[in-house]
Structure formats: structure tokens, C-alpha cells
Protein backbone atom coordinates (compact mmCIF):
# COMPACT_ATOMS: atom_id res chain seq x y z
CA UNK A 1 -29.57 -19.34 -18.21
CA UNK A 2 -29.21 -21.67 -15.04
CA UNK A 3 -28.82 -21.16 -11.49
CA UNK A 4 -28.84 -16.90 -10.84
CA UNK A 5 -25.08 -17.07 -9.17
CA UNK A 6 -24.97 -15.64 -5.21
CA UNK A 7 -21.58 -14.70 -5.14
CA UNK A 8 -19.28 -14.52 -8.04
CA UNK A 9 -21.16 -12.24 -9.61
CA UNK A 10 -20.32 -10.17 -13.05
CA UNK A 11 -22.40 -7.30 -12.69
CA UNK A 12 -21.29 -5.12 -16.40
CA UNK A 13 -18.74 -3.33 -18.18
CA UNK A 14 -16.55 -1.50 -15.68
CA UNK A 15 -14.05 0.28 -19.14
CA UNK A 16 -12.08 -1.15 -21.94
CA UNK A 17 -7.98 -0.40 -21.80
CA UNK A 18 -6.79 0.14 -25.49
CA UNK A 19 -2.80 -0.56 -25.46
CA UNK A 20 -1.40 2.58 -27.87
CA UNK A 21 1.25 3.96 -28.71
CA UNK A 22 0.91 7.43 -27.10
CA UNK A 23 -2.38 7.15 -24.95
CA UNK A 24 -2.86 11.33 -24.36
CA UNK A 25 -3.34 11.20 -28.87
CA UNK A 26 -5.64 8.09 -28.06
CA UNK A 27 -7.41 10.36 -25.33
CA UNK A 28 -7.72 13.17 -27.56
CA UNK A 29 -9.34 11.42 -30.70
CA UNK A 30 -11.77 10.46 -28.98
CA UNK A 31 -13.04 13.29 -27.37
CA UNK A 32 -12.37 15.35 -30.57
CA UNK A 33 -13.56 13.45 -32.49
CA UNK A 34 -16.25 11.07 -30.44
CA UNK A 35 -17.42 13.42 -27.80
CA UNK A 36 -15.57 11.87 -24.77
CA UNK A 37 -14.81 14.57 -21.93
CA UNK A 38 -11.04 13.78 -20.37
CA UNK A 39 -12.07 12.37 -16.91
CA UNK A 40 -8.77 10.63 -14.82
CA UNK A 41 -4.76 10.77 -15.01
CA UNK A 42 -2.33 8.51 -13.82
CA UNK A 43 1.24 8.86 -15.11
CA UNK A 44 4.87 10.02 -15.20
CA UNK A 45 3.27 13.77 -13.49
CA UNK A 46 1.69 11.87 -10.56
CA UNK A 47 4.41 9.00 -10.04
CA UNK A 48 3.80 6.15 -12.12
CA UNK A 49 6.84 5.15 -13.72
CA UNK A 50 5.75 2.36 -16.35
CA UNK A 51 2.31 3.51 -17.85
CA UNK A 52 0.75 5.83 -18.87
CA UNK A 53 -2.70 6.42 -18.28
CA UNK A 54 -5.83 8.60 -19.68
CA UNK A 55 -9.17 8.24 -19.05
CA UNK A 56 -12.02 9.35 -20.92
CA UNK A 57 -15.87 9.12 -20.40
CA UNK A 58 -19.38 10.01 -21.92
CA UNK A 59 -22.15 8.62 -20.39
CA UNK A 60 -21.38 5.20 -18.65
CA UNK A 61 -18.80 4.35 -21.12
CA UNK A 62 -15.44 4.59 -20.10
CA UNK A 63 -12.65 3.99 -23.05
CA UNK A 64 -8.59 3.92 -21.16
CA UNK A 65 -6.26 4.34 -23.79
CA UNK A 66 -2.34 3.26 -21.71
CA UNK A 67 1.06 3.51 -23.02
CA UNK A 68 3.67 1.17 -21.30
CA UNK A 69 5.86 4.31 -22.79
CA UNK A 70 7.23 1.42 -25.59
CA UNK A 71 5.03 0.28 -28.91
CA UNK A 72 2.21 -0.81 -27.82
CA UNK A 73 -1.12 -2.44 -29.56
CA UNK A 74 -4.22 -0.87 -30.36
CA UNK A 75 -6.59 -3.69 -28.83
CA UNK A 76 -8.64 -3.43 -26.08
CA UNK A 77 -9.42 -5.02 -23.27
CA UNK A 78 -12.58 -5.00 -21.43
CA UNK A 79 -12.78 -5.04 -17.64
CA UNK A 80 -15.33 -6.11 -15.86
CA UNK A 81 -17.20 -5.34 -12.50
CA UNK A 82 -17.73 -7.90 -9.87
CA UNK A 83 -18.99 -8.90 -6.40
CA UNK A 84 -16.95 -10.73 -5.14
CA UNK A 85 -13.59 -10.37 -7.17
CA UNK A 86 -11.99 -13.42 -4.56
CA UNK A 87 -15.26 -15.54 -5.08
CA UNK A 88 -15.52 -14.42 -8.97
CA UNK A 89 -12.00 -15.06 -9.53
CA UNK A 90 -11.73 -18.28 -7.36
CA UNK A 91 -14.86 -19.89 -10.10
CA UNK A 92 -13.01 -19.28 -12.82
CA UNK A 93 -10.00 -20.66 -11.78
CA UNK A 94 -11.56 -24.04 -10.46
CA UNK A 95 -12.73 -24.59 -13.90
CA UNK A 96 -9.62 -23.67 -15.49
CA UNK A 97 -9.33 -20.27 -15.81
CA UNK A 98 -5.87 -18.82 -17.12
CA UNK A 99 -5.09 -16.06 -13.90
CA UNK A 100 -2.77 -13.58 -15.42
CA UNK A 101 -2.22 -11.48 -11.96
CA UNK A 102 -3.84 -12.40 -8.61
CA UNK A 103 -5.76 -10.37 -6.92
CA UNK A 104 -4.16 -7.24 -5.33
CA UNK A 105 -5.83 -4.05 -3.88
CA UNK A 106 -4.87 -0.48 -4.28
CA UNK A 107 -6.11 2.45 -2.27
CA UNK A 108 -6.38 6.37 -1.74
CA UNK A 109 -7.58 9.10 0.08
CA UNK A 110 -11.22 7.28 -1.13
CA UNK A 111 -10.90 4.05 -1.13
CA UNK A 112 -9.90 1.02 -1.57
CA UNK A 113 -10.64 -1.90 -5.31
CA UNK A 114 -9.27 -5.33 -5.67
CA UNK A 115 -8.83 -5.92 -8.86
CA UNK A 116 -7.84 -9.75 -11.02
CA UNK A 117 -7.04 -10.16 -14.04
CA UNK A 118 -8.08 -14.05 -16.26
CA UNK A 119 -6.22 -14.40 -19.50
CA UNK A 120 -9.35 -15.10 -22.46
CA UNK A 121 -8.82 -15.62 -25.71
CA UNK A 122 -5.31 -14.37 -27.97
CA UNK A 123 -3.83 -11.28 -25.77
CA UNK A 124 -7.31 -10.64 -24.17
CA UNK A 125 -7.45 -10.16 -21.18
CA UNK A 126 -10.29 -8.90 -18.69
CA UNK A 127 -9.45 -7.07 -15.67
CA UNK A 128 -12.21 -8.29 -12.39
CA UNK A 129 -12.72 -4.75 -10.94
CA UNK A 130 -14.19 -4.66 -7.29
CA UNK A 131 -14.75 -1.36 -6.29
CA UNK A 132 -15.43 -1.81 -2.46
CA UNK A 133 -17.49 1.94 -2.46
CA UNK A 134 -14.66 3.79 -4.27
CA UNK A 135 -15.17 7.37 -4.30
CA UNK A 136 -12.60 8.68 -6.38
CA UNK A 137 -13.23 9.81 -10.52
CA UNK A 138 -12.53 6.28 -11.30
CA UNK A 139 -9.82 4.35 -10.13
CA UNK A 140 -6.79 4.86 -6.97
CA UNK A 141 -3.92 6.75 -8.25
CA UNK A 142 -5.88 8.52 -10.41
CA UNK A 143 -6.29 12.06 -10.87
CA UNK A 144 -7.54 15.02 -12.86
CA UNK A 145 -6.69 14.68 -16.18
CA UNK A 146 -4.29 16.67 -17.91
CA UNK A 147 -6.08 17.40 -20.86
CA UNK A 148 -7.64 20.41 -21.64
CA UNK A 149 -8.83 21.04 -24.81
CA UNK A 150 -10.72 24.95 -25.33
CA UNK A 151 -12.38 23.35 -28.28
CA UNK A 152 -14.47 20.73 -26.98
CA UNK A 153 -16.82 22.74 -24.88
CA UNK A 154 -17.75 23.87 -28.36
CA UNK A 155 -18.52 20.73 -30.04
CA UNK A 156 -21.82 18.88 -30.48
CA UNK A 157 -22.51 16.55 -27.70
CA UNK A 158 -22.80 12.73 -29.39
CA UNK A 159 -25.15 11.07 -26.38
CA UNK A 160 -23.50 7.98 -26.59
CA UNK A 161 -24.85 6.26 -23.20
CA UNK A 162 -23.10 2.09 -22.68
CA UNK A 163 -21.61 -0.67 -23.88
CA UNK A 164 -23.76 -2.31 -25.88
CA UNK A 165 -21.60 -5.74 -26.50
CA UNK A 166 -17.63 -5.53 -27.27
CA UNK A 167 -16.79 -8.34 -30.38
CA UNK A 168 -14.05 -10.69 -30.14
CA UNK A 169 -12.31 -11.91 -34.06
CA UNK A 170 -10.96 -15.39 -34.10
CA UNK A 171 -9.36 -17.26 -36.40
CA UNK A 172 -11.23 -20.29 -38.50
CA UNK A 173 -12.32 -23.61 -35.93
CA UNK A 174 -12.04 -21.40 -32.30
CA UNK A 175 -14.62 -19.40 -31.93
CA UNK A 176 -16.49 -22.51 -30.27
CA UNK A 177 -13.80 -23.28 -28.18
CA UNK A 178 -13.08 -19.14 -27.17
CA UNK A 179 -16.69 -19.19 -26.76
CA UNK A 180 -17.44 -22.11 -24.28
CA UNK A 181 -14.55 -20.53 -22.22
CA UNK A 182 -17.04 -18.02 -21.28
CA UNK A 183 -19.47 -20.60 -20.60
CA UNK A 184 -17.59 -22.56 -18.36
CA UNK A 185 -15.60 -20.16 -16.16
CA UNK A 186 -17.51 -16.88 -16.20
CA UNK A 187 -20.66 -18.59 -16.17
CA UNK A 188 -21.85 -17.25 -18.53
CA UNK A 189 -24.66 -18.93 -21.16
CA UNK A 190 -25.03 -18.81 -24.61
CA UNK A 191 -27.55 -15.63 -25.72
CA UNK A 192 -27.37 -15.52 -29.91
CA UNK A 193 -25.97 -17.74 -32.46
CA UNK A 194 -25.93 -17.14 -36.72
CA UNK A 195 -23.68 -18.65 -38.97
CA UNK A 196 -22.39 -18.76 -42.52
CA UNK A 197 -25.49 -20.17 -44.04
CA UNK A 198 -26.87 -17.30 -43.31
CA UNK A 199 -24.05 -14.39 -42.66
CA UNK A 200 -22.18 -14.40 -46.41
CA UNK A 201 -21.92 -12.54 -49.42
CA UNK A 202 -20.21 -13.66 -52.67
CA UNK A 203 -16.46 -13.80 -51.41
CA UNK A 204 -16.83 -14.63 -47.65
CA UNK A 205 -18.84 -15.19 -44.61
CA UNK A 206 -18.82 -15.91 -40.68
CA UNK A 207 -20.23 -17.29 -37.54
CA UNK A 208 -20.62 -15.65 -34.47
CA UNK A 209 -22.02 -17.04 -30.98
CA UNK A 210 -23.16 -13.99 -28.64
CA UNK A 211 -22.72 -15.10 -24.87
CA UNK A 212 -23.60 -13.27 -21.64
CA UNK A 213 -23.83 -12.89 -17.60
CA UNK A 214 -26.65 -14.16 -16.09
CA UNK A 215 -28.19 -10.61 -15.54
CA UNK A 216 -27.54 -10.23 -19.76
CA UNK A 217 -25.56 -6.72 -18.87
CA UNK A 218 -22.40 -8.20 -20.31
CA UNK A 219 -22.23 -9.29 -24.10
CA UNK A 220 -19.70 -10.91 -25.33
CA UNK A 221 -20.06 -12.12 -29.88
CA UNK A 222 -17.30 -13.84 -30.81
CA UNK A 223 -16.85 -13.85 -34.42
CA UNK A 224 -14.90 -16.24 -36.94
CA UNK A 225 -14.12 -16.84 -40.64
CA UNK A 226 -16.01 -19.21 -42.81
CA UNK A 227 -15.04 -20.80 -45.71
CA UNK A 228 -15.11 -18.44 -49.09
CA UNK A 229 -13.30 -17.42 -52.03
CA UNK A 230 -11.71 -14.59 -50.73
CA UNK A 231 -9.71 -13.49 -47.35
CA UNK A 232 -12.31 -12.76 -44.84
CA UNK A 233 -12.77 -9.69 -43.21
CA UNK A 234 -12.44 -11.72 -40.28
CA UNK A 235 -9.34 -12.72 -41.21
CA UNK A 236 -7.61 -10.22 -42.27
CA UNK A 237 -8.03 -8.41 -38.56
CA UNK A 238 -6.41 -12.09 -37.49
CA UNK A 239 -3.95 -11.08 -40.00
CA UNK A 240 -3.12 -7.76 -38.57
CA UNK A 241 -3.47 -8.25 -35.06
CA UNK A 242 -1.83 -10.87 -34.98
CA UNK A 243 -4.93 -13.66 -33.62
CA UNK A 244 -7.92 -13.45 -31.43
CA UNK A 245 -8.38 -10.16 -30.57
CA UNK A 246 -11.13 -7.15 -29.45
CA UNK A 247 -12.66 -6.56 -32.96
CA UNK A 248 -15.00 -3.50 -32.04
CA UNK A 249 -16.92 -1.71 -29.58
CA UNK A 250 -20.75 -0.48 -29.60
CA UNK A 251 -22.23 2.37 -27.95
CA UNK A 252 -25.47 2.43 -27.52
CA UNK A 253 -27.16 6.10 -28.24
CA UNK A 254 -31.13 6.79 -27.19
CA UNK A 255 -30.93 9.25 -30.07
CA UNK A 256 -29.20 7.78 -33.07
CA UNK A 257 -29.95 10.33 -35.53
CA UNK A 258 -28.62 13.28 -33.82
CA UNK A 259 -25.46 11.09 -32.08
CA UNK A 260 -24.54 10.01 -36.21
CA UNK A 261 -25.04 13.79 -37.31
CA UNK A 262 -23.04 15.23 -34.93
CA UNK A 263 -20.19 12.14 -34.82
CA UNK A 264 -19.73 13.24 -38.24
CA UNK A 265 -19.91 17.39 -38.34
CA UNK A 266 -16.70 16.23 -36.05
CA UNK A 267 -15.39 13.88 -38.47
CA UNK A 268 -15.76 10.79 -37.68
CA UNK A 269 -15.80 8.51 -40.74
CA UNK A 270 -18.16 5.95 -41.10
CA UNK A 271 -19.33 2.60 -43.84
CA UNK A 272 -21.52 2.89 -46.22
CA UNK A 273 -23.80 0.79 -47.69
CA UNK A 274 -25.84 0.98 -51.31
CA UNK A 275 -28.89 2.73 -51.95
CA UNK A 276 -30.45 -0.36 -53.50
CA UNK A 277 -30.44 -1.81 -49.02
CA UNK A 278 -32.56 1.68 -48.17
CA UNK A 279 -34.39 0.31 -51.55
CA UNK A 280 -35.40 -3.23 -50.03
CA UNK A 281 -35.70 -1.64 -46.84
CA UNK A 282 -38.51 0.67 -48.02
CA UNK A 283 -40.21 -2.62 -49.35
CA UNK A 284 -39.63 -4.79 -46.84
CA UNK A 285 -41.20 -3.07 -44.96
CA UNK A 286 -44.50 -2.07 -46.21
CA UNK A 287 -45.55 -6.16 -44.45
CA UNK A 288 -43.84 -5.47 -41.49
CA UNK A 289 -45.79 -5.33 -38.40
CA UNK A 290 -44.12 -2.65 -36.94
CA UNK A 291 -43.99 0.84 -37.06
CA UNK A 292 -40.81 2.53 -37.89
CA UNK A 293 -40.30 6.66 -36.11
CA UNK A 294 -37.37 7.00 -37.76
CA UNK A 295 -37.93 8.18 -41.39
CA UNK A 296 -35.99 6.02 -43.56
CA UNK A 297 -34.96 8.91 -45.54
CA UNK A 298 -33.03 10.20 -42.82
CA UNK A 299 -31.49 6.63 -42.44
CA UNK A 300 -30.41 6.52 -45.79
CA UNK A 301 -28.74 10.32 -45.27
CA UNK A 302 -26.71 8.99 -41.94
CA UNK A 303 -25.96 5.31 -44.17
CA UNK A 304 -27.80 3.62 -40.64
CA UNK A 305 -28.78 0.06 -41.21
CA UNK A 306 -31.46 -1.45 -39.98
CA UNK A 307 -33.21 -4.72 -38.01
CA UNK A 308 -36.03 -5.70 -37.31
CA UNK A 309 -38.30 -8.56 -36.02
CA UNK A 310 -41.99 -8.50 -35.13
CA UNK A 311 -41.48 -7.33 -31.55
CA UNK A 312 -39.29 -4.65 -33.17
CA UNK A 313 -36.42 -3.23 -34.57
CA UNK A 314 -32.55 -1.57 -33.95
CA UNK A 315 -30.45 1.39 -35.90
CA UNK A 316 -26.58 0.53 -36.62
CA UNK A 317 -23.60 2.07 -37.90
CA UNK A 318 -20.04 0.92 -38.05
CA UNK A 319 -16.76 3.49 -38.10
CA UNK A 320 -14.35 2.27 -40.23
CA UNK A 321 -10.89 1.63 -38.43
CA UNK A 322 -9.54 3.68 -35.34
CA UNK A 323 -6.39 3.34 -36.76
CA UNK A 324 -3.84 2.45 -39.66
CA UNK A 325 -4.74 -0.93 -39.27
CA UNK A 326 -7.48 -2.30 -40.18
CA UNK A 327 -9.10 -3.98 -36.40
CA UNK A 328 -10.53 -1.86 -34.03
CA UNK A 329 -13.35 0.46 -34.78
CA UNK A 330 -16.20 0.80 -33.41
CA UNK A 331 -20.54 0.63 -33.55
CA UNK A 332 -22.89 2.96 -32.53
CA UNK A 333 -26.90 1.74 -31.61
CA UNK A 334 -29.80 2.19 -30.47
CA UNK A 335 -32.46 -0.53 -29.86
CA UNK A 336 -35.98 -0.34 -30.01
CA UNK A 337 -37.31 -3.61 -27.92
CA UNK A 338 -35.05 -5.32 -30.51
CA UNK A 339 -32.19 -7.66 -28.41
CA UNK A 340 -30.57 -9.37 -31.84
CA UNK A 341 -27.03 -7.98 -33.19
CA UNK A 342 -28.56 -6.95 -36.62
CA UNK A 343 -28.38 -10.47 -38.55
CA UNK A 344 -30.45 -8.97 -40.85
CA UNK A 345 -27.85 -6.93 -41.58
CA UNK A 346 -24.94 -8.72 -41.11
CA UNK A 347 -24.82 -9.68 -45.55
CA UNK A 348 -24.51 -5.70 -46.09
CA UNK A 349 -22.01 -4.89 -43.13
CA UNK A 350 -19.53 -7.43 -44.56
CA UNK A 351 -20.03 -6.58 -48.08
CA UNK A 352 -19.34 -2.89 -46.89
CA UNK A 353 -16.28 -4.19 -45.13
CA UNK A 354 -14.72 -6.60 -48.64
CA UNK A 355 -14.95 -2.40 -50.13
CA UNK A 356 -13.11 -1.20 -48.10
CA UNK A 357 -10.62 -4.13 -48.30
CA UNK A 358 -10.71 -3.76 -52.15
CA UNK A 359 -9.68 -0.59 -51.74
CA UNK A 360 -6.35 -1.74 -48.96
CA UNK A 361 -5.67 -4.86 -50.93
CA UNK A 362 -6.68 -7.00 -48.87
CA UNK A 363 -9.75 -9.75 -50.26
CA UNK A 364 -7.62 -11.41 -51.65
CA UNK A 365 -7.49 -14.95 -52.44
CA UNK A 366 -6.79 -17.60 -50.38
């Protein structure tokens, strides 16, 4: 991990910005389908002429759909809460990071917030946010939400609490340089990794390195495709995204059974896995050293995946893409004393992704 930074610390995820073509509809989707609630708004009605922003909330998760009043992208741009912003930026600059926007301060009657923006992989940026005891609902200039939907209070709660990790997909042979960017510029350290000898199917495979801050509260897995017989789902993402970008965002819950039941009731679509997965899981658990609290029958019913070691286990499930392009999707995860990322499920996940690829006509020869 190296020495603990005395200043210029990266504390946690602040929010995730989505550049979209219609922020109002995107925010409404997250509220109606995933249990978020309107939090804040900034746009034409508040005197902001260039970008319209609808912020929604659930637990400590803050998706931030933004519409540049022109065609946009669905890629995610993670923001980090830092302390202080000037030191974090200075250290990153000294190590070679590209500064997209120099520090600036915004303020309103609730206080001041300092920002800066760094360029990471592809077109992805990281906004550094120093809140300086700010007490407003989101950030300066944001006011009460315009979204009002009388249906939302009638829908079941989903219990999504916090961002667990955010995954970035890279073109082939760019995973290492992308992960080293975090190690060098943000003083992150390597946390976890798998390669194509561990994660592969009949057709394709991937490699992944997870980097994290000193406190291990910000985890950023970095993926790349590995050569196979067919086009990898990672490569499909890169093709449709026009390069590297955020592949998926994992949201943690304490009750994944209730969360997925309610998300399905709201109409969320998830990837499915074959029944053979649960047959094998039942056999393997007979000799495992852990005790699973959840019913395997219920996990199979809801299509929730499970990975484990001798200390604990995790449960996870993945949505279908959040838009027509097969790029960004979401994960719901619950951890029982297990800090991995589902390596035991990667092959099953990759097979499910390939099945969806085949339906789209994209599981093609290289």
C-alpha cells in the first residue's frame, strides 16, 4: 500500500456523472426502475444555460445524468471526494496526470466547494471534489428537483446503499497502462487481479486489475479483452463506446434478495445464467467451509450468482445494458466477509454476456 498520504487523500466516491441526450428521462428511469429519488436540479430554470443536470439519490449513491443540450454519451465519469483538492491535484500533476480543468470554487448560500478535473482512460474524467463544510442538497447552484412523480412512493424500496466499485474497459494491451495511471498519479495500489488463464470461455476471455486508494474505499477494476476465437464482450463495449470507458457500476446492498425481487417488480432486466450453474454450486457447497445464510433455491429463482472462499462469500447480479448501445450496465452486490470481485463467477458472467452478444449479432469472428 505504501505510506499513508498525510494530505491529498482520496476519501470515497462522491457521485457519477452520465453524459446523456436527455437527462430528465435518464433520471426518471433510475427513479422508476431502480428506486432512486430526485435530489437536485440545475438548468435553464435556475439560470444555468449550458448543461441541464438532474441528480438522484439512494443511500449514498448519487447518479448525476447531465444533458449538454446537444447529443451526448452514456459513459460514466466518477467523481471523488478529496482532502484537500489542491494537494491531490498538485501530486497528480507532478506525476504526469493531464489536468482537464484547473481548480475552481463554486459557492452559494450553503457554502463553498472546490473542484478540479483530471483525464484518465479514454474520454473518462475524474472530478476532484472538496466540500469545505458545504451544507446544500448536492453542490452549489443546484436547487430542489423539478422531477415530481406521484408513482414513486407507491413502488417497493430497493435498498441500494453505496458504490462498491466502478469498472473501466480498455482496448487490448491497455489495461496495464490504465491501472498504472492510478498507481502513479493518485497513489492508489493494486488490490486484486485475474488473467485469461482464469477467466475464459470457449470463445473469449479477459484480464482484470483492481486498483484502490489507501483506505480501500474507492475500488476501480480495469479490464481488457484477451485473444479468443470470437469477439470479446469487452471488445464489443470498446467498439460501441468508441474506446475505453466505464463498463459497469456496482451498487452494494445489505439485503440482495429483497433488492432484486423489488427491482424485478419495478421492471429491471438482468442477465440470466443456466440452471447447471446452481447444480454445480450446490455440489461445491457440500464441502465448503462457509455457511450460506440465503436459500440457494431463492438465489436460483432470482438468478443471483455466488462466489466464496474459506472466509466468506459474495452475491452478485448484473443488469442488461442501461441503453440501446451495449455499453454501460449495473451490478448489485452483497458481501459476507468477502472482498473479491466474483472471479469464480466471471466465466458464467462472460457466458451470459456472450449469449446476449449473439442475440445482438456481435459474437463474431475476430
